[in-house]
PDB file of N, CA and C in Angstrom:
ATOM      1  N   MET A   1       0.046  44.637  35.847  1.00  0.00           N
ATOM      2  CA  MET A   1       0.982  43.978  35.640  1.00  0.00           C
ATOM      3  C   MET A   1       0.315  42.926  34.380  1.00  0.00           C
ATOM      4  N   ASP A   2       0.968  42.482  33.382  1.00  0.00           N
ATOM      5  CA  ASP A   2       0.580  41.773  32.637  1.00  0.00           C
ATOM      6  C   ASP A   2       0.950  40.196  32.635  1.00  0.00           C
ATOM      7  N   TYR A   3       0.296  39.457  33.497  1.00  0.00           N
ATOM      8  CA  TYR A   3       0.870  38.039  33.726  1.00  0.00           C
ATOM      9  C   TYR A   3       0.944  37.241  32.676  1.00  0.00           C
ATOM     10  N   SER A   4       0.222  37.323  31.549  1.00  0.00           N
ATOM     11  CA  SER A   4       0.438  36.634  30.533  1.00  0.00           C
ATOM     12  C   SER A   4       1.809  36.558  30.100  1.00  0.00           C
ATOM     13  N   LYS A   5       2.595  37.785  30.108  1.00  0.00           N
ATOM     14  CA  LYS A   5       3.826  37.747  29.677  1.00  0.00           C
ATOM     15  C   LYS A   5       4.929  37.089  30.603  1.00  0.00           C
ATOM     16  N   SER A   6       4.507  36.689  31.732  1.00  0.00           N
ATOM     17  CA  SER A   6       5.631  36.112  32.769  1.00  0.00           C
ATOM     18  C   SER A   6       5.891  34.846  32.529  1.00  0.00           C
ATOM     19  N   GLY A   7       6.890  34.349  32.753  1.00  0.00           N
ATOM     20  CA  GLY A   7       7.141  32.718  32.749  1.00  0.00           C
ATOM     21  C   GLY A   7       7.906  32.484  31.327  1.00  0.00           C
ATOM     22  N   ASN A   8       8.100  31.137  31.472  1.00  0.00           N
ATOM     23  CA  ASN A   8       8.659  30.742  30.092  1.00  0.00           C
ATOM     24  C   ASN A   8       7.765  30.693  28.790  1.00  0.00           C
ATOM     25  N   PRO A   9       8.424  30.818  27.673  1.00  0.00           N
ATOM     26  CA  PRO A   9       7.730  30.750  26.520  1.00  0.00           C
ATOM     27  C   PRO A   9       7.025  29.644  26.302  1.00  0.00           C
ATOM     28  N   LYS A  10       6.031  29.505  25.619  1.00  0.00           N
ATOM     29  CA  LYS A  10       5.309  28.231  25.166  1.00  0.00           C
ATOM     30  C   LYS A  10       5.974  27.876  23.912  1.00  0.00           C
ATOM     31  N   GLY A  11       5.983  26.366  24.104  1.00  0.00           N
ATOM     32  CA  GLY A  11       6.570  25.845  22.775  1.00  0.00           C
ATOM     33  C   GLY A  11       5.520  25.636  21.594  1.00  0.00           C
ATOM     34  N   ALA A  12       6.080  25.634  20.384  1.00  0.00           N
ATOM     35  CA  ALA A  12       5.459  25.335  19.196  1.00  0.00           C
ATOM     36  C   ALA A  12       4.136  24.294  19.504  1.00  0.00           C
ATOM     37  N   ARG A  13       3.279  24.090  19.231  1.00  0.00           N
ATOM     38  CA  ARG A  13       2.300  23.209  19.129  1.00  0.00           C
ATOM     39  C   ARG A  13       1.983  22.434  18.130  1.00  0.00           C
ATOM     40  N   SER A  14       1.911  22.837  17.007  1.00  0.00           N
ATOM     41  CA  SER A  14       1.793  22.240  15.782  1.00  0.00           C
ATOM     42  C   SER A  14       2.585  22.165  14.817  1.00  0.00           C
ATOM     43  N   THR A  15       4.064  21.905  15.267  1.00  0.00           N
ATOM     44  CA  THR A  15       5.169  21.935  14.318  1.00  0.00           C
ATOM     45  C   THR A  15       5.135  20.682  13.767  1.00  0.00           C
ATOM     46  N   LEU A  16       5.308  20.515  12.582  1.00  0.00           N
ATOM     47  CA  LEU A  16       5.452  19.220  11.543  1.00  0.00           C
ATOM     48  C   LEU A  16       6.759  18.612  11.925  1.00  0.00           C
ATOM     49  N   ARG A  17       6.714  17.276  11.882  1.00  0.00           N
ATOM     50  CA  ARG A  17       7.657  16.544  12.062  1.00  0.00           C
ATOM     51  C   ARG A  17       8.597  16.235  10.636  1.00  0.00           C
ATOM     52  N   GLY A  18       9.506  15.906  10.672  1.00  0.00           N
ATOM     53  CA  GLY A  18      10.380  15.903   9.488  1.00  0.00           C
ATOM     54  C   GLY A  18       9.824  14.338   8.519  1.00  0.00           C
ATOM     55  N   PRO A  19      10.205  14.579   7.350  1.00  0.00           N
ATOM     56  CA  PRO A  19       9.556  13.605   6.386  1.00  0.00           C
ATOM     57  C   PRO A  19      10.237  12.149   6.752  1.00  0.00           C
ATOM     58  N   ASP A  20      11.078  12.108   7.782  1.00  0.00           N
ATOM     59  CA  ASP A  20      11.480  10.769   7.866  1.00  0.00           C
ATOM     60  C   ASP A  20      10.678  10.028   9.117  1.00  0.00           C
ATOM     61  N   HIS A  21       9.677  10.776   9.520  1.00  0.00           N
ATOM     62  CA  HIS A  21       9.250  10.212  10.758  1.00  0.00           C
ATOM     63  C   HIS A  21       7.850   9.466  10.537  1.00  0.00           C
ATOM     64  N   ALA A  22       8.123   8.258  11.038  1.00  0.00           N
ATOM     65  CA  ALA A  22       7.129   7.089  10.843  1.00  0.00           C
ATOM     66  C   ALA A  22       6.496   7.376   9.116  1.00  0.00           C
ATOM     67  N   GLN A  23       7.417   6.902   8.290  1.00  0.00           N
ATOM     68  CA  GLN A  23       7.157   6.731   6.872  1.00  0.00           C
ATOM     69  C   GLN A  23       6.640   5.510   6.754  1.00  0.00           C
ATOM     70  N   LYS A  24       5.674   5.461   5.844  1.00  0.00           N
ATOM     71  CA  LYS A  24       4.895   4.264   5.301  1.00  0.00           C
ATOM     72  C   LYS A  24       5.831   3.185   4.713  1.00  0.00           C
ATOM     73  N   GLY A  25       5.604   1.910   4.631  1.00  0.00           N
ATOM     74  CA  GLY A  25       6.366   1.040   4.396  1.00  0.00           C
ATOM     75  C   GLY A  25       7.664   0.544   5.040  1.00  0.00           C
ATOM     76  N   ALA A  26       7.846   1.249   6.151  1.00  0.00           N
ATOM     77  CA  ALA A  26       9.074   1.045   7.084  1.00  0.00           C
ATOM     78  C   ALA A  26       9.075  -0.256   7.716  1.00  0.00           C
ATOM     79  N   PRO A  27      10.138  -1.126   7.762  1.00  0.00           N
ATOM     80  CA  PRO A  27      10.004  -2.383   8.268  1.00  0.00           C
ATOM     81  C   PRO A  27       9.931  -2.412   9.811  1.00  0.00           C
ATOM     82  N   LYS A  28       9.034  -3.462  10.271  1.00  0.00           N
ATOM     83  CA  LYS A  28       8.312  -3.492  11.417  1.00  0.00           C
ATOM     84  C   LYS A  28       9.509  -3.960  12.349  1.00  0.00           C
ATOM     85  N   SER A  29       9.526  -3.323  13.361  1.00  0.00           N
ATOM     86  CA  SER A  29      10.303  -3.972  14.349  1.00  0.00           C
ATOM     87  C   SER A  29      10.156  -5.455  15.149  1.00  0.00           C
ATOM     88  N   VAL A  30      11.211  -6.273  14.998  1.00  0.00           N
ATOM     89  CA  VAL A  30      10.746  -7.674  15.587  1.00  0.00           C
ATOM     90  C   VAL A  30      11.144  -7.801  17.096  1.00  0.00           C
ATOM     91  N   LYS A  31      10.305  -8.500  17.670  1.00  0.00           N
ATOM     92  CA  LYS A  31      10.811  -8.582  19.256  1.00  0.00           C
ATOM     93  C   LYS A  31      11.511  -9.997  18.984  1.00  0.00           C
ATOM     94  N   PRO A  32      12.639 -10.234  19.907  1.00  0.00           N
ATOM     95  CA  PRO A  32      13.137 -11.384  20.396  1.00  0.00           C
ATOM     96  C   PRO A  32      12.164 -12.320  20.880  1.00  0.00           C
ATOM     97  N   PRO A  33      12.134 -13.779  20.624  1.00  0.00           N
ATOM     98  CA  PRO A  33      11.243 -14.578  20.920  1.00  0.00           C
ATOM     99  C   PRO A  33      11.555 -14.895  22.582  1.00  0.00           C
ATOM    100  N   ARG A  34      10.731 -15.091  23.402  1.00  0.00           N
ATOM    101  CA  ARG A  34      10.694 -15.170  24.862  1.00  0.00           C
ATOM    102  C   ARG A  34      11.112 -16.595  25.026  1.00  0.00           C
ATOM    103  N   GLU A  35      11.840 -16.657  26.170  1.00  0.00           N
ATOM    104  CA  GLU A  35      12.161 -17.942  26.422  1.00  0.00           C
ATOM    105  C   GLU A  35      11.263 -18.804  27.495  1.00  0.00           C
ATOM    106  N   THR A  36      11.133 -19.983  27.145  1.00  0.00           N
ATOM    107  CA  THR A  36      10.162 -21.020  27.740  1.00  0.00           C
ATOM    108  C   THR A  36      10.336 -20.841  29.447  1.00  0.00           C
ATOM    109  N   GLN A  37       9.514 -21.475  30.175  1.00  0.00           N
ATOM    110  CA  GLN A  37       9.482 -21.195  31.669  1.00  0.00           C
ATOM    111  C   GLN A  37      10.654 -22.434  31.869  1.00  0.00           C
ATOM    112  N   GLU A  38      10.885 -23.551  30.958  1.00  0.00           N
ATOM    113  CA  GLU A  38      12.117 -24.490  31.451  1.00  0.00           C
ATOM    114  C   GLU A  38      13.217 -24.092  31.181  1.00  0.00           C
ATOM    115  N   GLU A  39      13.422 -23.216  30.031  1.00  0.00           N
ATOM    116  CA  GLU A  39      14.727 -22.570  29.679  1.00  0.00           C
ATOM    117  C   GLU A  39      14.916 -21.612  30.871  1.00  0.00           C
ATOM    118  N   LEU A  40      14.087 -20.735  31.394  1.00  0.00           N
ATOM    119  CA  LEU A  40      14.535 -19.864  32.275  1.00  0.00           C
ATOM    120  C   LEU A  40      14.706 -20.596  33.553  1.00  0.00           C
ATOM    121  N   LEU A  41      14.089 -21.743  34.031  1.00  0.00           N
ATOM    122  CA  LEU A  41      14.289 -22.166  35.142  1.00  0.00           C
ATOM    123  C   LEU A  41      15.758 -23.094  35.007  1.00  0.00           C
ATOM    124  N   ALA A  42      16.063 -23.492  33.928  1.00  0.00           N
ATOM    125  CA  ALA A  42      17.308 -24.249  33.566  1.00  0.00           C
ATOM    126  C   ALA A  42      18.496 -23.314  34.027  1.00  0.00           C
ATOM    127  N   ARG A  43      18.376 -22.021  33.068  1.00  0.00           N
ATOM    128  CA  ARG A  43      19.335 -20.808  33.362  1.00  0.00           C
ATOM    129  C   ARG A  43      19.519 -20.259  34.723  1.00  0.00           C
ATOM    130  N   MET A  44      18.385 -20.564  35.362  1.00  0.00           N
ATOM    131  CA  MET A  44      18.380 -19.995  36.977  1.00  0.00           C
ATOM    132  C   MET A  44      19.304 -21.195  37.785  1.00  0.00           C
ATOM    133  N   LYS A  45      18.864 -22.295  37.502  1.00  0.00           N
ATOM    134  CA  LYS A  45      19.534 -23.270  38.292  1.00  0.00           C
ATOM    135  C   LYS A  45      21.080 -23.427  37.723  1.00  0.00           C
ATOM    136  N   ALA A  46      21.478 -23.040  36.613  1.00  0.00           N
ATOM    137  CA  ALA A  46      22.830 -23.131  36.195  1.00  0.00           C
ATOM    138  C   ALA A  46      23.430 -21.866  37.001  1.00  0.00           C
ATOM    139  N   ALA A  47      22.877 -20.928  36.933  1.00  0.00           N
ATOM    140  CA  ALA A  47      23.487 -19.812  37.377  1.00  0.00           C
ATOM    141  C   ALA A  47      23.707 -19.706  39.302  1.00  0.00           C
ATOM    142  N   SER A  48      22.717 -20.397  39.698  1.00  0.00           N
ATOM    143  CA  SER A  48      22.738 -20.531  41.239  1.00  0.00           C
ATOM    144  C   SER A  48      23.897 -21.809  41.654  1.00  0.00           C
ATOM    145  N   GLN A  49      24.150 -22.564  40.646  1.00  0.00           N
ATOM    146  CA  GLN A  49      25.174 -23.624  41.099  1.00  0.00           C
ATOM    147  C   GLN A  49      26.545 -23.193  40.813  1.00  0.00           C
ATOM    148  N   LYS A  50      26.949 -22.118  40.297  1.00  0.00           N
ATOM    149  CA  LYS A  50      27.993 -21.789  39.936  1.00  0.00           C
ATOM    150  C   LYS A  50      28.809 -21.413  41.278  1.00  0.00           C
ATOM    151  N   ALA A  51      30.030 -21.490  41.493  1.00  0.00           N
ATOM    152  CA  ALA A  51      30.688 -21.215  42.841  1.00  0.00           C
ATOM    153  C   ALA A  51      30.714 -19.456  42.761  1.00  0.00           C
ATOM    154  N   PRO A  52      30.328 -18.846  43.753  1.00  0.00           N
ATOM    155  CA  PRO A  52      30.759 -17.409  43.915  1.00  0.00           C
ATOM    156  C   PRO A  52      32.167 -17.028  43.786  1.00  0.00           C
ATOM    157  N   GLN A  53      32.381 -16.152  42.967  1.00  0.00           N
ATOM    158  CA  GLN A  53      33.570 -15.823  42.830  1.00  0.00           C
ATOM    159  C   GLN A  53      34.229 -14.559  44.184  1.00  0.00           C
ATOM    160  N   LYS A  54      35.204 -14.908  44.435  1.00  0.00           N
ATOM    161  CA  LYS A  54      35.744 -13.953  45.539  1.00  0.00           C
ATOM    162  C   LYS A  54      36.437 -13.018  44.901  1.00  0.00           C
ATOM    163  N   ASP A  55      36.082 -11.603  45.621  1.00  0.00           N
ATOM    164  CA  ASP A  55      36.875 -10.375  45.383  1.00  0.00           C
ATOM    165  C   ASP A  55      38.444 -10.568  45.422  1.00  0.00           C
ATOM    166  N   PRO A  56      39.332 -10.326  44.708  1.00  0.00           N
ATOM    167  CA  PRO A  56      40.663 -10.186  44.852  1.00  0.00           C
ATOM    168  C   PRO A  56      40.999  -9.025  46.017  1.00  0.00           C
ATOM    169  N   LYS A  57      39.923  -7.909  46.167  1.00  0.00           N
ATOM    170  CA  LYS A  57      40.652  -6.983  47.080  1.00  0.00           C
ATOM    171  C   LYS A  57      40.261  -7.368  48.834  1.00  0.00           C
ATOM    172  N   SER A  58      39.445  -8.509  48.980  1.00  0.00           N
ATOM    173  CA  SER A  58      39.416  -8.818  50.119  1.00  0.00           C
ATOM    174  C   SER A  58      40.148  -9.965  50.514  1.00  0.00           C
TER     175      SER A  58
END
């Protein structure tokens, strides 16, 4: 039995990607600015002080 012919076919290994893939001169993605620790603590304190909403189903 020829075991090399069993199983799934192997995918193409050296296929070229389209011309739009990683073009030179493309604009760089910009990450949003990280919030400072003070802003984070203020946001967490504001969220913890909100009254918990009751479910209308219960």
